[in-house]
């Protein structure tokens, strides 16, 4: 029996959408959000690329992106596929992982409520592989907390740098 879980996180980020987008599509920005708990490598064929420059809509993985615990210990990998891209606004990742039959990450960056701010929304859908399926509700909670951490790190980055790259 296949089962998936979804959660949504939305945060107000103190920087304009174009600056936030420029940060969140880079390996440096992604890893900054994930630290200190995890980091993610770019697949060998995609080094030097950003989400903006990865081939979109092919359905073929760009390669294997390793996920490392504390930035050191590889514990999972992501067969990275960007299914849709609206440059400057939205990307949709539809990948598989060693631990997930399906990993969906839909990130939108939109104008925020305050002047010169952005609203970042992540919708994540996970379908764990058989051994982890029973832990689906727990994984949803843990990953929801991890994405809340990512949003706090992103907001703090722009609060500290005043949105400067």
C-alpha atoms as a PDB file:
ATOM      1  CA  UNK A   1       0.000   0.000   0.000  1.00  0.00           C
ATOM      2  CA  UNK A   2       1.499   3.326  -1.096  1.00  0.00           C
ATOM      3  CA  UNK A   3       1.031   6.287   1.192  1.00  0.00           C
ATOM      4  CA  UNK A   4       2.289   9.849   0.994  1.00  0.00           C
ATOM      5  CA  UNK A   5       2.372  12.752   3.428  1.00  0.00           C
ATOM      6  CA  UNK A   6       2.419  16.495   2.704  1.00  0.00           C
ATOM      7  CA  UNK A   7       3.201  19.597   4.734  1.00  0.00           C
ATOM      8  CA  UNK A   8       3.405  23.318   3.954  1.00  0.00           C
ATOM      9  CA  UNK A   9       5.619  25.993   5.514  1.00  0.00           C
ATOM     10  CA  UNK A  10       5.277  29.713   4.708  1.00  0.00           C
ATOM     11  CA  UNK A  11       7.503  32.503   6.040  1.00  0.00           C
ATOM     12  CA  UNK A  12       7.973  36.219   5.553  1.00  0.00           C
ATOM     13  CA  UNK A  13      11.586  36.963   4.568  1.00  0.00           C
ATOM     14  CA  UNK A  14      12.987  40.504   5.040  1.00  0.00           C
ATOM     15  CA  UNK A  15      14.280  40.984   1.477  1.00  0.00           C
ATOM     16  CA  UNK A  16      12.749  41.566  -1.957  1.00  0.00           C
ATOM     17  CA  UNK A  17      11.777  38.488  -4.005  1.00  0.00           C
ATOM     18  CA  UNK A  18      14.543  38.875  -6.595  1.00  0.00           C
ATOM     19  CA  UNK A  19      17.249  38.785  -3.897  1.00  0.00           C
ATOM     20  CA  UNK A  20      15.632  35.863  -2.092  1.00  0.00           C
ATOM     21  CA  UNK A  21      15.276  33.908  -5.349  1.00  0.00           C
ATOM     22  CA  UNK A  22      18.901  34.567  -6.288  1.00  0.00           C
ATOM     23  CA  UNK A  23      19.919  33.008  -2.966  1.00  0.00           C
ATOM     24  CA  UNK A  24      17.574  30.003  -2.705  1.00  0.00           C
ATOM     25  CA  UNK A  25      18.451  28.515  -6.109  1.00  0.00           C
ATOM     26  CA  UNK A  26      22.212  28.281  -5.431  1.00  0.00           C
ATOM     27  CA  UNK A  27      24.048  25.385  -3.774  1.00  0.00           C
ATOM     28  CA  UNK A  28      25.475  27.890  -1.258  1.00  0.00           C
ATOM     29  CA  UNK A  29      22.001  29.135  -0.339  1.00  0.00           C
ATOM     30  CA  UNK A  30      20.534  25.640  -0.100  1.00  0.00           C
ATOM     31  CA  UNK A  31      23.365  24.425   2.129  1.00  0.00           C
ATOM     32  CA  UNK A  32      23.222  27.533   4.319  1.00  0.00           C
ATOM     33  CA  UNK A  33      19.536  26.827   4.982  1.00  0.00           C
ATOM     34  CA  UNK A  34      20.214  23.173   5.820  1.00  0.00           C
ATOM     35  CA  UNK A  35      23.189  23.706   8.153  1.00  0.00           C
ATOM     36  CA  UNK A  36      24.248  22.596  10.679  1.00  0.00           C
ATOM     37  CA  UNK A  37      22.116  19.439  10.423  1.00  0.00           C
ATOM     38  CA  UNK A  38      22.661  18.573   6.772  1.00  0.00           C
ATOM     39  CA  UNK A  39      24.189  19.619   3.483  1.00  0.00           C
ATOM     40  CA  UNK A  40      23.543  18.483  -0.068  1.00  0.00           C
ATOM     41  CA  UNK A  41      26.062  18.124  -2.865  1.00  0.00           C
ATOM     42  CA  UNK A  42      25.264  18.937  -6.473  1.00  0.00           C
ATOM     43  CA  UNK A  43      25.442  15.946  -8.820  1.00  0.00           C
ATOM     44  CA  UNK A  44      28.820  15.733 -10.625  1.00  0.00           C
ATOM     45  CA  UNK A  45      27.267  16.706 -13.981  1.00  0.00           C
ATOM     46  CA  UNK A  46      25.536  19.719 -12.426  1.00  0.00           C
ATOM     47  CA  UNK A  47      28.440  21.309 -10.548  1.00  0.00           C
ATOM     48  CA  UNK A  48      28.459  25.039 -11.131  1.00  0.00           C
ATOM     49  CA  UNK A  49      24.739  25.019 -11.948  1.00  0.00           C
ATOM     50  CA  UNK A  50      21.876  26.523  -9.997  1.00  0.00           C
ATOM     51  CA  UNK A  51      18.247  25.464  -9.988  1.00  0.00           C
ATOM     52  CA  UNK A  52      17.759  28.194 -12.617  1.00  0.00           C
ATOM     53  CA  UNK A  53      20.198  26.495 -14.998  1.00  0.00           C
ATOM     54  CA  UNK A  54      19.374  22.800 -14.490  1.00  0.00           C
ATOM     55  CA  UNK A  55      17.523  21.222 -17.450  1.00  0.00           C
ATOM     56  CA  UNK A  56      13.801  21.304 -16.691  1.00  0.00           C
ATOM     57  CA  UNK A  57      10.931  18.999 -17.552  1.00  0.00           C
ATOM     58  CA  UNK A  58      12.980  16.126 -18.994  1.00  0.00           C
ATOM     59  CA  UNK A  59      11.911  13.722 -16.244  1.00  0.00           C
ATOM     60  CA  UNK A  60      15.516  12.521 -16.179  1.00  0.00           C
ATOM     61  CA  UNK A  61      17.621  13.029 -13.045  1.00  0.00           C
ATOM     62  CA  UNK A  62      20.455  15.515 -13.362  1.00  0.00           C
ATOM     63  CA  UNK A  63      22.398  13.080 -11.222  1.00  0.00           C
ATOM     64  CA  UNK A  64      22.800  11.898  -7.658  1.00  0.00           C
ATOM     65  CA  UNK A  65      22.909  14.659  -5.028  1.00  0.00           C
ATOM     66  CA  UNK A  66      24.320  13.276  -1.777  1.00  0.00           C
ATOM     67  CA  UNK A  67      22.731  14.366   1.492  1.00  0.00           C
ATOM     68  CA  UNK A  68      25.241  14.484   4.326  1.00  0.00           C
ATOM     69  CA  UNK A  69      24.514  14.476   8.040  1.00  0.00           C
ATOM     70  CA  UNK A  70      26.320  17.397   9.715  1.00  0.00           C
ATOM     71  CA  UNK A  71      27.883  18.123   6.326  1.00  0.00           C
ATOM     72  CA  UNK A  72      30.151  15.066   6.599  1.00  0.00           C
ATOM     73  CA  UNK A  73      28.410  11.681   6.657  1.00  0.00           C
ATOM     74  CA  UNK A  74      26.518  10.673   3.488  1.00  0.00           C
ATOM     75  CA  UNK A  75      23.268   9.051   4.587  1.00  0.00           C
ATOM     76  CA  UNK A  76      20.895   9.449   1.638  1.00  0.00           C
ATOM     77  CA  UNK A  77      20.865  10.630  -1.961  1.00  0.00           C
ATOM     78  CA  UNK A  78      18.462  12.476  -4.172  1.00  0.00           C
ATOM     79  CA  UNK A  79      18.060  11.645  -7.879  1.00  0.00           C
ATOM     80  CA  UNK A  80      17.527  15.342  -8.574  1.00  0.00           C
ATOM     81  CA  UNK A  81      14.788  16.223 -11.101  1.00  0.00           C
ATOM     82  CA  UNK A  82      13.454  19.763 -11.579  1.00  0.00           C
ATOM     83  CA  UNK A  83      10.038  19.191 -13.130  1.00  0.00           C
ATOM     84  CA  UNK A  84       8.918  22.812 -13.475  1.00  0.00           C
ATOM     85  CA  UNK A  85      10.553  26.195 -13.226  1.00  0.00           C
ATOM     86  CA  UNK A  86       9.152  29.707 -13.230  1.00  0.00           C
ATOM     87  CA  UNK A  87      12.404  31.708 -13.026  1.00  0.00           C
ATOM     88  CA  UNK A  88      12.398  34.224 -10.232  1.00  0.00           C
ATOM     89  CA  UNK A  89       9.255  32.746  -8.696  1.00  0.00           C
ATOM     90  CA  UNK A  90       8.889  28.958  -8.392  1.00  0.00           C
ATOM     91  CA  UNK A  91      10.532  25.588  -8.822  1.00  0.00           C
ATOM     92  CA  UNK A  92       9.086  22.120  -8.459  1.00  0.00           C
ATOM     93  CA  UNK A  93      11.363  19.196  -7.699  1.00  0.00           C
ATOM     94  CA  UNK A  94       9.932  15.711  -8.369  1.00  0.00           C
ATOM     95  CA  UNK A  95      12.673  13.295  -7.352  1.00  0.00           C
ATOM     96  CA  UNK A  96      13.300   9.905  -5.855  1.00  0.00           C
ATOM     97  CA  UNK A  97      15.706   9.213  -3.037  1.00  0.00           C
ATOM     98  CA  UNK A  98      17.260   6.143  -1.489  1.00  0.00           C
ATOM     99  CA  UNK A  99      14.751   6.575   1.351  1.00  0.00           C
ATOM    100  CA  UNK A 100      11.825   7.973  -0.666  1.00  0.00           C
ATOM    101  CA  UNK A 101       9.851   6.493  -3.528  1.00  0.00           C
ATOM    102  CA  UNK A 102       8.718  10.070  -4.143  1.00  0.00           C
ATOM    103  CA  UNK A 103      10.095  13.406  -2.960  1.00  0.00           C
ATOM    104  CA  UNK A 104       8.241  16.503  -4.080  1.00  0.00           C
ATOM    105  CA  UNK A 105       9.464  19.980  -3.142  1.00  0.00           C
ATOM    106  CA  UNK A 106       7.520  22.950  -4.502  1.00  0.00           C
ATOM    107  CA  UNK A 107       9.052  26.305  -3.499  1.00  0.00           C
ATOM    108  CA  UNK A 108       7.455  29.642  -4.319  1.00  0.00           C
ATOM    109  CA  UNK A 109       8.956  33.083  -3.712  1.00  0.00           C
ATOM    110  CA  UNK A 110       6.372  35.861  -3.910  1.00  0.00           C
ATOM    111  CA  UNK A 111       6.136  39.500  -2.811  1.00  0.00           C
ATOM    112  CA  UNK A 112       5.604  39.711   0.936  1.00  0.00           C
ATOM    113  CA  UNK A 113       3.110  41.675   2.959  1.00  0.00           C
ATOM    114  CA  UNK A 114       5.668  44.310   3.946  1.00  0.00           C
ATOM    115  CA  UNK A 115       7.504  46.516   1.457  1.00  0.00           C
ATOM    116  CA  UNK A 116      10.767  44.939   0.280  1.00  0.00           C
ATOM    117  CA  UNK A 117       9.895  41.557   1.765  1.00  0.00           C
ATOM    118  CA  UNK A 118       9.126  38.141   0.317  1.00  0.00           C
ATOM    119  CA  UNK A 119       6.880  35.279   1.194  1.00  0.00           C
ATOM    120  CA  UNK A 120       8.531  31.876   0.784  1.00  0.00           C
ATOM    121  CA  UNK A 121       6.296  28.820   0.703  1.00  0.00           C
ATOM    122  CA  UNK A 122       7.481  25.224   0.622  1.00  0.00           C
ATOM    123  CA  UNK A 123       5.061  22.394  -0.067  1.00  0.00           C
ATOM    124  CA  UNK A 124       6.752  19.048   0.519  1.00  0.00           C
ATOM    125  CA  UNK A 125       5.294  15.655  -0.354  1.00  0.00           C
ATOM    126  CA  UNK A 126       7.074  12.509   0.738  1.00  0.00           C
ATOM    127  CA  UNK A 127       6.383   8.871   0.060  1.00  0.00           C
ATOM    128  CA  UNK A 128       8.850   6.763   2.046  1.00  0.00           C
ATOM    129  CA  UNK A 129      10.060   3.450   0.683  1.00  0.00           C
ATOM    130  CA  UNK A 130       8.707   0.260   2.278  1.00  0.00           C
ATOM    131  CA  UNK A 131      10.994  -0.020   5.322  1.00  0.00           C
ATOM    132  CA  UNK A 132      10.266   3.588   6.340  1.00  0.00           C
ATOM    133  CA  UNK A 133       6.595   3.703   5.360  1.00  0.00           C
ATOM    134  CA  UNK A 134       5.393   2.965   8.896  1.00  0.00           C
ATOM    135  CA  UNK A 135       7.359   6.006  10.072  1.00  0.00           C
ATOM    136  CA  UNK A 136       5.624   8.312   7.554  1.00  0.00           C
ATOM    137  CA  UNK A 137       3.795  10.449  10.133  1.00  0.00           C
ATOM    138  CA  UNK A 138       6.992  10.808  12.185  1.00  0.00           C
ATOM    139  CA  UNK A 139       9.051  11.663   9.069  1.00  0.00           C
ATOM    140  CA  UNK A 140       6.466  14.297   8.145  1.00  0.00           C
ATOM    141  CA  UNK A 141       6.875  15.917  11.584  1.00  0.00           C
ATOM    142  CA  UNK A 142      10.672  15.724  11.573  1.00  0.00           C
ATOM    143  CA  UNK A 143      10.949  17.070   8.024  1.00  0.00           C
ATOM    144  CA  UNK A 144       8.367  19.767   8.804  1.00  0.00           C
ATOM    145  CA  UNK A 145      10.559  20.886  11.715  1.00  0.00           C
ATOM    146  CA  UNK A 146      13.628  20.750   9.452  1.00  0.00           C
ATOM    147  CA  UNK A 147      11.948  22.983   6.843  1.00  0.00           C
ATOM    148  CA  UNK A 148      10.902  25.399   9.613  1.00  0.00           C
ATOM    149  CA  UNK A 149      14.614  25.485  10.545  1.00  0.00           C
ATOM    150  CA  UNK A 150      15.469  26.217   6.902  1.00  0.00           C
ATOM    151  CA  UNK A 151      13.015  29.124   6.858  1.00  0.00           C
ATOM    152  CA  UNK A 152      14.469  30.549  10.088  1.00  0.00           C
ATOM    153  CA  UNK A 153      17.987  30.324   8.632  1.00  0.00           C
ATOM    154  CA  UNK A 154      16.866  32.033   5.409  1.00  0.00           C
ATOM    155  CA  UNK A 155      15.126  34.847   7.314  1.00  0.00           C
ATOM    156  CA  UNK A 156      18.163  35.301   9.584  1.00  0.00           C
ATOM    157  CA  UNK A 157      20.515  35.447   6.585  1.00  0.00           C
ATOM    158  CA  UNK A 158      18.615  38.373   5.103  1.00  0.00           C
ATOM    159  CA  UNK A 159      18.029  40.071   8.455  1.00  0.00           C
ATOM    160  CA  UNK A 160      21.789  39.933   9.097  1.00  0.00           C
ATOM    161  CA  UNK A 161      22.848  40.978   5.593  1.00  0.00           C
ATOM    162  CA  UNK A 162      19.977  43.381   4.870  1.00  0.00           C
ATOM    163  CA  UNK A 163      19.340  41.407   1.704  1.00  0.00           C
ATOM    164  CA  UNK A 164      22.777  41.987   0.225  1.00  0.00           C
ATOM    165  CA  UNK A 165      24.230  39.049  -1.699  1.00  0.00           C
END
